[in-house]
Protein backbone atom coordinates (compact mmCIF):
# COMPACT_ATOMS: atom_id res chain seq x y z
CA MET A 1 27.55 40.36 109.37
CA ARG A 2 30.10 41.91 111.73
CA ARG A 3 32.84 39.80 110.19
CA LEU A 4 31.89 41.05 106.71
CA LEU A 5 31.97 44.70 107.85
CA GLY A 6 35.43 44.17 109.37
CA ILE A 7 36.80 42.74 106.09
CA LEU A 8 35.38 45.68 104.09
CA THR A 9 36.88 48.25 106.53
CA TYR A 10 40.32 46.59 106.29
CA LEU A 11 40.23 46.66 102.48
CA LEU A 12 39.22 50.37 102.50
CA PHE A 13 42.18 51.41 104.71
CA CYS A 14 44.61 49.42 102.58
CA GLN A 15 43.42 51.24 99.45
CA LEU A 16 43.78 54.68 101.12
CA GLY A 17 47.31 53.80 102.26
CA LEU A 18 48.38 52.84 98.73
CA ARG A 19 47.06 56.15 97.35
CA ALA A 20 48.92 58.18 100.01
CA GLN A 21 52.17 56.33 99.25
CA GLU A 22 51.80 57.13 95.53
CA GLN A 23 51.50 60.88 96.35
CA LEU A 24 54.65 61.04 98.56
CA PRO A 25 57.90 62.11 96.79
CA ASP A 26 60.57 59.50 96.47
CA ILE A 27 63.06 61.05 98.89
CA ASN A 28 65.59 58.26 98.62
CA SER A 29 65.73 58.41 94.84
CA GLN A 30 66.12 62.21 94.90
CA ALA A 31 68.90 62.02 97.47
CA HIS A 32 70.96 59.75 95.18
CA ASP A 33 69.98 61.30 91.88
CA PRO A 34 72.84 63.55 90.69
CA GLY A 35 70.48 65.47 88.44
CA SER A 36 68.01 66.31 91.19
CA SER A 37 68.20 69.77 92.76
CA ALA A 38 65.57 69.27 95.44
CA LEU A 39 68.08 68.58 98.24
CA LYS A 40 71.25 70.00 96.67
CA PRO A 41 72.90 72.66 98.94
CA ARG A 42 73.23 76.14 97.47
CA ALA A 43 76.52 78.10 97.76
CA LEU A 44 76.37 81.47 99.53
CA PRO A 45 77.18 84.60 97.49
CA ALA A 46 80.77 85.81 97.75
CA ASP A 47 79.87 88.97 99.72
CA THR A 48 77.82 86.92 102.17
CA GLN A 49 80.70 84.50 102.67
CA THR A 50 82.99 87.46 103.42
CA GLN A 51 80.51 88.88 105.96
CA VAL A 52 80.19 85.49 107.65
CA ARG A 53 83.97 85.09 107.83
CA GLN A 54 84.42 88.60 109.25
CA GLU A 55 81.71 87.97 111.82
CA ILE A 56 83.39 84.73 112.92
CA GLU A 57 86.79 86.44 113.13
CA SER A 58 85.37 89.37 115.12
CA ARG A 59 83.84 86.99 117.67
CA ALA A 60 86.90 84.78 117.90
CA PRO A 61 88.98 85.40 121.05
CA ARG A 62 92.14 87.41 120.36
CA VAL A 63 95.27 85.90 121.85
CA PRO A 64 97.93 88.52 122.65
CA PRO A 65 101.51 87.84 121.58
CA PRO A 66 104.26 86.97 124.10
CA ASP A 67 105.90 89.89 125.88
CA PHE A 68 109.00 89.47 123.73
CA ILE A 69 109.33 88.21 120.16
CA GLU A 70 112.56 88.25 118.20
CA VAL A 71 111.69 89.97 114.91
CA ASP A 72 113.55 90.83 111.74
CA GLN A 73 111.98 94.28 111.52
CA GLU A 74 110.70 96.32 114.44
CA PRO A 75 107.39 98.22 114.22
CA VAL A 76 107.75 101.96 113.58
CA ILE A 77 105.36 104.72 114.64
CA ILE A 78 103.88 106.39 111.55
CA ALA A 79 101.07 108.32 113.25
CA LYS A 80 100.87 109.48 116.85
CA LYS A 81 98.53 111.44 119.09
CA GLU A 82 99.68 113.77 121.86
CA PRO A 83 97.88 113.02 125.16
CA VAL A 84 95.43 115.50 126.61
CA TYR A 85 96.74 117.07 129.81
CA PRO A 86 94.28 116.29 132.64
CA GLU A 87 92.58 119.51 133.74
CA ILE A 88 93.06 118.90 137.46
CA ALA A 89 96.73 118.07 136.99
CA LEU A 90 97.20 121.20 134.91
CA LYS A 91 95.59 123.43 137.53
CA GLU A 92 97.72 121.88 140.26
CA LYS A 93 100.80 121.95 137.99
CA ARG A 94 101.37 118.25 138.51
CA GLU A 95 103.82 116.54 136.19
CA GLY A 96 104.51 112.88 135.55
CA LYS A 97 105.33 110.09 133.17
CA VAL A 98 103.41 107.01 132.07
CA TRP A 99 104.88 103.97 130.31
CA VAL A 100 102.34 101.97 128.32
CA LYS A 101 102.67 98.85 126.24
CA ILE A 102 100.68 98.57 123.05
CA TRP A 103 99.68 95.34 121.37
CA VAL A 104 100.34 96.12 117.69
CA ASP A 105 98.68 93.61 115.37
CA ASN A 106 100.03 92.41 112.03
CA SER A 107 98.43 95.36 110.25
CA GLY A 108 100.04 97.95 112.54
CA VAL A 109 96.86 98.75 114.50
CA PRO A 110 96.68 98.78 118.34
CA ARG A 111 94.60 95.91 119.74
CA ASP A 112 95.21 96.51 123.43
CA VAL A 113 96.90 99.11 125.63
CA LEU A 114 98.17 98.46 129.17
CA VAL A 115 99.92 100.68 131.70
CA LEU A 116 103.38 99.35 132.53
CA LYS A 117 104.45 102.02 135.00
CA SER A 118 103.11 105.38 136.13
CA SER A 119 104.50 108.11 138.33
CA ASP A 120 100.98 109.49 138.90
CA THR A 121 97.78 107.61 138.08
CA ILE A 122 96.00 110.85 137.16
CA PHE A 123 97.79 110.68 133.79
CA ASN A 124 97.00 107.03 133.00
CA LYS A 125 93.78 107.51 131.06
CA SER A 126 95.19 110.36 128.95
CA ALA A 127 98.19 108.21 128.05
CA THR A 128 96.17 105.11 127.13
CA ASP A 129 93.62 107.17 125.14
CA ALA A 130 96.46 108.65 123.10
CA ALA A 131 98.13 105.26 122.62
CA TRP A 132 94.95 103.82 121.08
CA GLN A 133 95.27 106.38 118.27
CA PHE A 134 98.83 105.43 117.31
CA LYS A 135 99.54 103.74 113.97
CA PHE A 136 102.58 101.61 113.19
CA THR A 137 104.29 99.74 110.44
CA PRO A 138 103.92 96.07 111.45
CA ALA A 139 106.77 93.97 112.78
CA TYR A 140 108.08 91.27 110.43
CA VAL A 141 109.49 87.79 110.91
CA LYS A 142 110.72 86.10 107.73
CA LYS A 143 108.94 88.73 105.62
CA ALA A 144 105.59 87.96 107.29
CA PRO A 145 103.84 90.58 109.51
CA VAL A 146 103.36 89.55 113.14
CA SER A 147 101.74 90.92 116.29
CA VAL A 148 104.03 92.31 118.99
CA TRP A 149 104.00 94.44 122.14
CA VAL A 150 105.56 97.91 121.92
CA ALA A 151 106.51 100.08 124.92
CA VAL A 152 105.83 103.82 124.57
CA PRO A 153 106.51 106.53 127.22
CA PHE A 154 104.28 109.59 127.68
CA LYS A 155 105.72 112.57 129.55
CA PHE A 156 103.46 115.22 131.07
CA VAL A 157 105.20 118.54 131.70
CA VAL A 158 103.47 121.84 132.43
CA ALA A 159 104.39 124.26 129.64
CA ASP A 160 106.08 127.47 130.70
CA ASP A 161 105.49 130.94 129.28
CA GLY A 162 108.81 131.10 127.45
CA ASP A 163 111.56 130.83 130.05
CA LYS A 164 109.76 132.95 132.62
CA GLY A 165 110.19 131.46 136.05
CA THR A 166 112.40 128.64 134.70
CA ASP A 167 115.52 127.87 136.70
CA ASP A 168 118.99 127.77 135.18
CA SER A 169 119.14 123.98 135.32
CA THR A 170 116.00 123.61 133.19
CA LYS A 171 117.24 126.21 130.70
CA SER A 172 120.52 124.34 130.40
CA THR A 173 118.69 121.06 129.82
CA ARG A 174 116.60 122.58 127.06
CA ARG A 175 119.67 123.98 125.33
CA GLU A 176 121.36 120.60 125.63
CA LEU A 177 118.38 118.76 124.10
CA THR A 178 118.04 121.29 121.28
CA SER A 179 121.73 120.90 120.52
CA ALA A 180 121.42 117.08 120.63
CA VAL A 181 118.53 117.02 118.16
CA GLN A 182 120.47 119.28 115.81
CA ARG A 183 123.43 116.93 116.12
CA PHE A 184 121.24 113.91 115.29
CA ARG A 185 119.91 115.48 112.12
CA GLU A 186 123.31 116.63 110.95
CA SER A 187 124.70 113.12 111.51
CA VAL A 188 121.85 111.51 109.60
CA LYS A 189 122.33 113.96 106.74
CA THR A 190 126.06 113.18 106.62
CA VAL A 191 125.39 109.45 106.25
CA MET A 192 122.54 109.80 103.75
CA ASP A 193 124.11 112.42 101.51
CA GLY A 194 127.58 110.91 101.44
CA SER A 195 128.98 114.31 100.47
CA GLU A 196 131.22 114.78 103.52
CA LEU A 197 132.66 111.37 104.28
CA GLU A 198 135.38 112.89 106.47
CA LYS A 199 132.66 113.76 108.99
CA LEU A 200 131.67 110.10 109.30
CA LYS A 201 134.41 109.52 111.87
CA THR A 202 132.91 112.24 114.08
CA CYS A 203 129.32 110.93 114.03
CA VAL A 204 129.45 107.16 113.34
CA ASP A 205 130.79 104.81 115.99
CA PRO A 206 133.37 102.35 114.53
CA SER A 207 131.28 99.41 115.77
CA ALA A 208 128.00 100.74 114.34
CA TYR A 209 126.12 98.44 111.98
CA LEU A 210 123.49 98.76 109.28
CA VAL A 211 120.54 96.38 108.90
CA ASN A 212 119.00 96.79 105.45
CA GLY A 213 116.28 94.18 105.08
CA SER A 214 118.19 90.90 105.52
CA VAL A 215 121.62 92.48 104.92
CA PHE A 216 123.80 93.12 107.99
CA GLU A 217 127.02 95.12 107.56
CA SER A 218 129.24 97.83 108.99
CA LEU A 219 127.50 101.21 108.82
CA TYR A 220 130.78 103.05 108.38
CA GLU A 221 131.77 100.91 105.40
CA ALA A 222 128.27 101.02 103.90
CA ALA A 223 128.21 104.82 104.03
CA GLN A 224 131.54 104.99 102.18
CA ARG A 225 130.83 102.30 99.61
CA ARG A 226 127.76 103.69 97.94
CA ASP A 227 127.49 100.69 95.60
CA ARG A 228 127.08 98.37 98.62
CA ALA A 229 124.48 100.54 100.33
CA LYS A 230 122.08 101.45 97.58
CA VAL A 231 119.59 102.51 100.22
CA PHE A 232 121.71 105.61 100.87
CA ALA A 233 122.57 106.23 97.23
CA THR A 234 118.88 106.39 96.28
CA GLU A 235 117.88 108.69 99.17
CA THR A 236 119.18 111.75 97.31
CA ASN A 237 116.09 111.63 95.07
CA ARG A 238 113.62 111.18 97.92
CA LYS A 239 112.02 113.65 100.32
CA LEU A 240 111.76 113.50 104.10
CA SER A 241 108.12 113.32 105.23
CA LEU A 242 108.52 112.35 108.90
CA SER A 243 111.18 112.82 111.58
CA THR A 244 110.70 111.98 115.26
CA VAL A 245 113.38 112.07 117.97
CA VAL A 246 113.09 110.41 121.40
CA ILE A 247 115.77 110.84 124.11
CA ASN A 248 115.82 108.75 127.26
CA ASP A 249 115.52 110.36 130.68
CA GLU A 250 119.21 109.89 131.48
CA LYS A 251 120.12 111.64 128.18
CA THR A 252 122.56 108.89 127.31
CA SER A 253 120.78 107.30 124.36
CA ALA A 254 118.19 108.29 121.79
CA TYR A 255 116.58 107.19 118.55
CA GLU A 256 115.30 109.01 115.51
CA VAL A 257 112.61 107.66 113.19
CA LEU A 258 112.56 108.97 109.63
CA LYS A 259 110.22 108.36 106.74
CA THR A 260 111.23 109.14 103.17
CA GLU A 261 109.21 108.76 99.99
CA ASP A 262 109.27 109.43 96.27
CA GLU A 263 108.17 112.76 94.83
CA GLY A 264 104.65 111.43 94.34
CA GLY A 265 104.46 110.18 97.93
CA ALA A 266 104.87 106.56 96.88
CA HIS A 267 107.20 103.78 98.06
CA PRO A 268 107.74 104.96 101.66
CA ARG A 269 110.92 103.86 103.41
CA PHE A 270 111.47 103.98 107.15
CA HIS A 271 114.77 104.47 108.97
CA THR A 272 115.39 103.96 112.68
CA VAL A 273 118.68 105.45 113.86
CA ILE A 274 120.02 104.71 117.36
CA PHE A 275 122.36 107.23 119.02
CA GLN A 276 124.48 106.88 122.14
CA LYS A 277 126.45 109.49 124.02
CA SER A 278 130.14 108.67 124.25
CA LYS A 279 132.27 109.14 127.35
CA GLY A 280 133.52 112.37 125.83
CA GLY A 281 129.97 113.70 125.59
CA ASN A 282 129.55 113.34 121.80
CA TRP A 283 126.45 111.74 120.31
CA MET A 284 127.41 108.89 117.94
CA ILE A 285 125.31 106.66 115.69
CA ARG A 286 125.40 103.08 117.01
CA HIS A 287 122.78 101.37 114.86
CA TRP A 288 120.84 102.05 111.67
CA HIS A 289 117.88 99.95 110.60
CA THR A 290 116.03 100.56 107.34
CA SER A 291 113.17 98.92 105.49
CA ASN A 292 113.22 98.15 101.80
């Protein structure tokens, strides 16, 4: 009797197992069936893919560029922010200078700002805060934008009420700087206009050179031969929208950054002009770099 019950129980479980197997999906056949969509992966929408990529890029560690990279085109400041004078320093009439270096990425945006040198640490935060708000044209190597470090000085000087209380030495320095800036702009106008070529000898150093994109040539010759320097010939129909002059502390060299554009504000072109004071005390153009 017990043996008969055992045989019946075994047959019952076998029948239940066969029924359960019939109800299970054939996973193996679906996995190899090209027409089956049960296990086929679905592509993410385009906007979702973009969000995922941006999220990955934002979390990826940023590697700063080397301290020095040889580039074909230097970055140029196109927007700057004057630093806020620290209140305590202003009350105490403290002055100073801060040199910062800015990591400019391949879109011209600051990615990091570090203090290189400071005459008074009270000015450091104001300088770095201002540097973060700078905008640049990117540097280029073989026509491709690259990340670079750029050094920028910030000078903190207590403003005077006119020349009241200013010593003769300071007044003389101001007159000298004003005269130098005027000289720079007259020299640039002489080269760009090409209307007074006789003045070229008085403002362009004989060894000065022009870098126009990938073209390297004598600036003096390029300014005379308008057909060889089309960049100057076409400037007569463009307007100046930006001009910034920076003179070094020793007042022996300086650079001017200019931005010109069409009447409608399109097709901007940037010029960086390097000046150096000669032994005779005259400011001469030593280098001219322009972007196409």
